[in-house]
N, C-alpha and C. Protein backbone atom coordinates (compact mmCIF):
# COMPACT_ATOMS: atom_id res chain seq x y z
N MET A 1 3.64 -11.48 13.87
CA MET A 1 3.32 -10.79 13.02
C MET A 1 1.54 -11.06 13.14
N PRO A 2 1.09 -9.75 12.99
CA PRO A 2 -0.53 -10.20 13.56
C PRO A 2 -0.92 -10.74 11.54
N LYS A 3 -1.99 -11.17 11.36
CA LYS A 3 -2.46 -10.71 10.37
C LYS A 3 -3.81 -10.53 10.20
N PHE A 4 -3.85 -9.95 8.46
CA PHE A 4 -5.25 -9.16 8.56
C PHE A 4 -6.15 -9.74 8.17
N ILE A 5 -7.38 -10.00 9.10
CA ILE A 5 -8.46 -10.78 8.35
C ILE A 5 -9.66 -10.42 7.23
N GLY A 6 -9.94 -9.07 7.39
CA GLY A 6 -10.74 -8.67 6.89
C GLY A 6 -11.70 -6.87 7.08
N TRP A 7 -12.94 -7.20 7.25
CA TRP A 7 -13.36 -5.83 7.32
C TRP A 7 -14.08 -5.98 8.03
N ILE A 8 -15.56 -5.20 9.39
CA ILE A 8 -16.25 -5.50 9.68
C ILE A 8 -17.05 -4.25 9.71
N PRO A 9 -18.10 -4.07 10.48
CA PRO A 9 -19.13 -2.82 11.15
C PRO A 9 -18.78 -2.54 12.77
N PHE A 10 -19.40 -1.37 12.63
CA PHE A 10 -19.30 -1.16 13.96
C PHE A 10 -19.67 -2.16 15.00
N ARG A 11 -20.75 -2.27 14.74
CA ARG A 11 -21.81 -3.23 15.84
C ARG A 11 -21.29 -4.69 15.67
N GLU A 12 -20.58 -4.80 15.60
CA GLU A 12 -19.57 -6.44 15.61
C GLU A 12 -17.71 -6.18 16.20
N ILE A 13 -17.65 -4.72 16.24
CA ILE A 13 -15.83 -4.16 17.15
C ILE A 13 -16.09 -5.19 18.65
N SER A 14 -15.19 -5.94 19.12
CA SER A 14 -14.75 -6.60 20.63
C SER A 14 -13.95 -6.43 21.41
N LYS A 15 -13.10 -6.50 20.72
CA LYS A 15 -11.20 -6.20 21.31
C LYS A 15 -10.38 -5.78 20.42
N GLU A 16 -9.84 -4.39 21.11
CA GLU A 16 -9.63 -3.91 19.96
C GLU A 16 -7.93 -4.26 19.91
N ALA A 17 -7.11 -3.77 18.51
CA ALA A 17 -5.81 -4.72 17.92
C ALA A 17 -4.94 -3.48 18.50
N PRO A 18 -3.93 -3.48 19.27
CA PRO A 18 -2.75 -2.61 18.75
C PRO A 18 -2.45 -2.03 18.60
N TYR A 19 -2.54 -0.23 18.63
CA TYR A 19 -2.20 0.55 17.65
C TYR A 19 -0.64 0.75 16.71
N ASP A 20 -0.10 0.17 16.82
CA ASP A 20 1.58 0.19 16.47
C ASP A 20 1.76 0.40 14.20
N ASN A 21 3.74 0.90 15.18
CA ASN A 21 3.63 0.54 13.06
C ASN A 21 3.28 -0.78 12.97
N ILE A 22 3.38 -1.54 13.27
CA ILE A 22 3.47 -2.57 12.63
C ILE A 22 2.03 -3.04 11.83
N HIS A 23 -0.05 -2.79 12.76
CA HIS A 23 -0.42 -2.72 12.16
C HIS A 23 -0.88 -1.60 11.48
N ARG A 24 -0.13 -0.63 11.37
CA ARG A 24 -0.57 -0.06 10.62
C ARG A 24 0.10 -0.15 9.37
N GLU A 25 1.31 -0.80 9.33
CA GLU A 25 1.85 -0.97 8.05
C GLU A 25 1.22 -1.87 7.06
N ILE A 26 0.43 -2.83 8.06
CA ILE A 26 0.28 -3.84 7.35
C ILE A 26 -1.45 -3.36 6.40
N ILE A 27 -1.78 -2.55 7.32
CA ILE A 27 -2.94 -1.89 6.65
C ILE A 27 -2.98 -0.72 5.48
N ILE A 28 -1.78 -0.02 6.13
CA ILE A 28 -1.39 0.66 4.81
C ILE A 28 -1.56 0.12 3.70
N ARG A 29 -0.66 -0.72 3.81
CA ARG A 29 -0.50 -2.39 2.45
C ARG A 29 -1.49 -2.53 1.22
N HIS A 30 -2.41 -3.21 2.52
CA HIS A 30 -3.28 -3.35 2.62
C HIS A 30 -3.94 -2.90 1.13
N LEU A 31 -4.70 -0.78 1.49
CA LEU A 31 -5.06 0.15 1.26
C LEU A 31 -4.46 0.39 -0.13
N ILE A 32 -2.92 0.34 -0.24
CA ILE A 32 -2.57 0.25 -1.22
C ILE A 32 -2.64 -0.84 -2.60
N ASP A 33 -2.61 -1.72 -1.61
CA ASP A 33 -2.37 -3.21 -2.59
C ASP A 33 -4.03 -3.11 -3.47
N ASN A 34 -5.07 -2.50 -2.72
CA ASN A 34 -6.60 -2.64 -3.42
C ASN A 34 -7.11 -1.57 -3.95
N ASN A 35 -6.18 -0.71 -3.82
CA ASN A 35 -7.00 0.65 -4.08
C ASN A 35 -7.94 1.29 -3.63
N TYR A 36 -8.16 1.00 -2.34
CA TYR A 36 -9.15 1.50 -1.55
C TYR A 36 -9.05 2.33 -1.34
N ILE A 37 -10.71 3.57 -0.89
CA ILE A 37 -10.31 4.90 -0.78
C ILE A 37 -11.46 4.35 0.06
N ILE A 38 -11.40 5.06 1.53
CA ILE A 38 -12.11 4.55 3.03
C ILE A 38 -12.27 5.78 3.69
N CYS A 39 -13.10 6.86 3.87
CA CYS A 39 -13.15 7.66 4.59
C CYS A 39 -13.29 7.45 5.68
N GLY A 40 -12.96 8.52 6.80
CA GLY A 40 -13.30 8.14 7.85
C GLY A 40 -14.71 8.45 8.72
N ASP A 41 -15.44 8.71 8.36
CA ASP A 41 -16.73 8.28 9.00
C ASP A 41 -17.64 7.06 8.15
N THR A 42 -16.72 7.19 6.97
CA THR A 42 -17.31 5.44 6.35
C THR A 42 -16.12 4.54 7.63
N HIS A 43 -15.16 4.98 7.84
CA HIS A 43 -14.33 3.64 8.40
C HIS A 43 -15.15 3.52 9.85
N GLN A 44 -15.44 3.98 10.37
CA GLN A 44 -16.29 4.12 11.96
C GLN A 44 -17.50 3.58 11.82
N SER A 45 -18.33 3.28 10.40
CA SER A 45 -19.59 2.92 10.89
C SER A 45 -19.42 1.49 10.03
N LYS A 46 -18.64 1.42 9.04
CA LYS A 46 -18.85 0.01 8.02
C LYS A 46 -17.49 -0.61 8.17
N TYR A 47 -16.31 -0.24 8.16
CA TYR A 47 -15.00 -0.66 7.37
C TYR A 47 -13.97 -0.39 8.39
N ILE A 48 -14.44 -1.15 9.79
CA ILE A 48 -13.44 -1.42 10.22
C ILE A 48 -11.84 -2.28 10.20
N PRO A 49 -10.98 -2.93 10.40
CA PRO A 49 -9.70 -3.53 10.33
C PRO A 49 -9.95 -4.74 10.97
N LEU A 50 -10.28 -5.70 10.32
CA LEU A 50 -10.25 -6.79 12.16
C LEU A 50 -8.71 -7.68 11.25
N PHE A 51 -8.04 -7.85 13.03
CA PHE A 51 -6.95 -8.95 12.76
C PHE A 51 -6.99 -9.93 13.16
N ASP A 52 -6.19 -10.88 13.24
CA ASP A 52 -6.14 -12.05 14.27
C ASP A 52 -5.27 -11.50 15.82
N ASP A 53 -5.32 -10.71 16.12
CA ASP A 53 -5.72 -10.07 17.72
C ASP A 53 -6.30 -8.75 17.82
N GLY A 54 -7.39 -8.78 17.09
CA GLY A 54 -8.46 -7.69 17.11
C GLY A 54 -8.72 -6.81 15.92
N ASP A 55 -9.91 -5.62 16.17
CA ASP A 55 -10.61 -4.62 15.67
C ASP A 55 -9.28 -3.63 15.46
N MET A 56 -9.38 -2.81 14.44
CA MET A 56 -8.85 -1.45 14.70
C MET A 56 -9.67 -0.28 14.34
N MET A 57 -10.14 0.27 15.44
CA MET A 57 -11.30 1.72 15.73
C MET A 57 -10.64 2.55 15.23
N LEU A 58 -10.05 3.33 14.36
CA LEU A 58 -9.70 4.51 14.76
C LEU A 58 -10.85 5.71 14.79
N THR A 59 -10.42 6.93 15.61
CA THR A 59 -10.88 8.68 15.43
C THR A 59 -10.78 8.66 13.75
N MET A 60 -11.43 9.70 13.10
CA MET A 60 -12.16 9.82 11.67
C MET A 60 -10.26 10.33 11.84
N ARG A 61 -10.23 11.93 12.67
CA ARG A 61 -8.62 12.29 12.22
C ARG A 61 -7.10 11.27 12.23
N SER A 62 -7.48 10.20 12.71
CA SER A 62 -6.77 9.15 12.55
C SER A 62 -6.68 8.14 11.22
N TRP A 63 -7.70 8.20 11.33
CA TRP A 63 -7.71 6.76 9.53
C TRP A 63 -7.37 8.25 8.50
N GLY A 64 -8.10 9.13 8.63
CA GLY A 64 -7.54 9.71 7.78
C GLY A 64 -6.35 10.50 7.14
N ASP A 65 -5.87 10.52 8.43
CA ASP A 65 -4.32 10.26 8.51
C ASP A 65 -3.55 9.04 8.10
N LEU A 66 -3.99 8.23 8.66
CA LEU A 66 -3.47 6.84 7.50
C LEU A 66 -4.03 6.66 5.80
N MET A 67 -5.13 7.11 5.61
CA MET A 67 -5.27 7.21 4.12
C MET A 67 -4.04 8.06 3.33
N ALA A 68 -4.97 9.06 3.85
CA ALA A 68 -3.27 10.53 3.05
C ALA A 68 -2.18 9.66 3.28
N GLU A 69 -1.71 8.61 3.98
CA GLU A 69 -0.53 8.52 3.84
C GLU A 69 -0.14 6.80 3.20
N ALA A 70 -1.18 6.16 2.59
CA ALA A 70 -1.51 5.50 1.61
C ALA A 70 -1.51 5.71 0.10
N LEU A 71 -2.31 7.00 0.11
CA LEU A 71 -2.11 7.67 -0.43
C LEU A 71 -1.23 8.40 -1.88
N ASN A 72 -0.76 8.74 -0.43
CA ASN A 72 0.85 9.89 -0.90
C ASN A 72 2.42 8.78 -0.88
N ARG A 73 1.87 7.86 -0.49
CA ARG A 73 2.95 7.15 -0.59
C ARG A 73 2.54 6.45 -2.10
N LYS A 74 1.37 5.83 -2.59
CA LYS A 74 1.72 5.46 -3.74
C LYS A 74 1.73 5.70 -4.95
N ASP A 75 1.55 7.35 -4.91
CA ASP A 75 1.73 7.87 -5.87
C ASP A 75 2.55 9.59 -5.21
N ALA A 76 3.91 9.76 -5.29
CA ALA A 76 4.65 11.41 -4.72
C ALA A 76 3.97 12.26 -5.16
N ASN A 77 2.96 12.29 -5.96
CA ASN A 77 2.89 14.00 -6.35
C ASN A 77 1.92 13.83 -5.62
N ASN A 78 0.96 13.00 -4.96
CA ASN A 78 -0.05 13.39 -3.74
C ASN A 78 0.48 14.60 -2.70
N HIS A 79 -0.61 15.00 -2.71
CA HIS A 79 -0.14 16.09 -1.42
C HIS A 79 -1.35 15.84 -0.16
N TYR A 80 -1.54 14.21 -0.04
CA TYR A 80 -3.29 14.95 0.78
C TYR A 80 -2.56 15.09 2.56
N ARG A 81 -3.68 15.47 3.36
CA ARG A 81 -3.68 15.78 4.51
C ARG A 81 -4.97 14.45 4.85
N TYR A 82 -4.90 14.19 6.77
CA TYR A 82 -5.47 14.14 6.80
C TYR A 82 -7.00 14.55 6.40
N LEU A 83 -7.16 15.77 6.46
CA LEU A 83 -8.94 16.35 6.46
C LEU A 83 -9.74 15.87 4.92
N ASP A 84 -8.59 15.64 4.39
CA ASP A 84 -9.49 15.41 2.65
C ASP A 84 -9.96 13.60 2.72
N PHE A 85 -9.93 13.20 4.14
CA PHE A 85 -10.19 11.84 3.95
C PHE A 85 -11.12 11.48 5.41
N TYR A 86 -10.92 12.84 5.99
CA TYR A 86 -12.28 13.15 7.35
C TYR A 86 -13.47 12.42 6.91
N MET A 87 -13.79 12.92 6.33
CA MET A 87 -15.71 12.62 6.07
C MET A 87 -15.85 12.40 4.45
N ALA A 88 -17.27 11.73 4.26
CA ALA A 88 -17.29 10.77 2.89
C ALA A 88 -17.54 11.89 2.34
N TYR A 89 -18.37 13.16 3.01
CA TYR A 89 -18.55 14.12 1.66
C TYR A 89 -17.92 15.31 1.40
N THR A 90 -16.38 15.22 2.78
CA THR A 90 -15.07 16.58 1.17
C THR A 90 -13.80 16.21 0.86
N CYS A 91 -14.46 14.58 0.63
CA CYS A 91 -12.77 14.09 0.32
C CYS A 91 -13.25 14.57 -1.24
N PRO A 92 -11.53 14.72 -1.60
CA PRO A 92 -11.67 14.92 -2.98
C PRO A 92 -11.60 13.62 -4.22
N ILE A 93 -11.79 12.51 -3.10
CA ILE A 93 -11.87 11.44 -4.62
C ILE A 93 -13.09 10.05 -3.78
N LYS A 94 -13.89 10.02 -5.03
CA LYS A 94 -14.74 8.42 -4.79
C LYS A 94 -14.34 8.05 -3.76
N GLU A 95 -15.02 7.39 -2.99
CA GLU A 95 -14.60 6.19 -1.76
C GLU A 95 -14.81 5.37 -3.07
N ASN A 96 -13.89 4.35 -2.73
CA ASN A 96 -13.85 3.12 -3.31
C ASN A 96 -13.28 1.71 -2.15
N LEU A 97 -14.90 1.17 -2.17
CA LEU A 97 -14.56 0.38 -0.94
C LEU A 97 -14.52 -0.73 -1.39
N PRO A 98 -14.15 -1.84 0.38
CA PRO A 98 -14.10 -3.23 0.23
C PRO A 98 -15.88 -4.08 -0.16
N LYS A 99 -15.09 -5.05 -0.94
CA LYS A 99 -16.87 -5.59 -1.17
C LYS A 99 -16.72 -6.82 0.66
N THR A 100 -18.00 -6.71 0.68
CA THR A 100 -18.41 -6.53 2.09
C THR A 100 -19.23 -8.67 1.52
């Protein structure tokens, strides 16, 4: 089972972790548990998840989809789509970023 280690900026990426259901579930759970809101462009520059088996750098669209799924799971009344979290300046919710 992969272990989430923390967040890294783009300049520190090196080895890509698989983008599979296990990694996806771990990061979604981490986003929900910590009330993080991270948009796609912010993810790509500063907040890339790091696991013990590599980093998870996603496209802005894929990250937006992941973020929408996390918030929709957190509250069944949400109906977010990937476009809502594609870029920070169009995001309907203020970002709540991890402390680094």
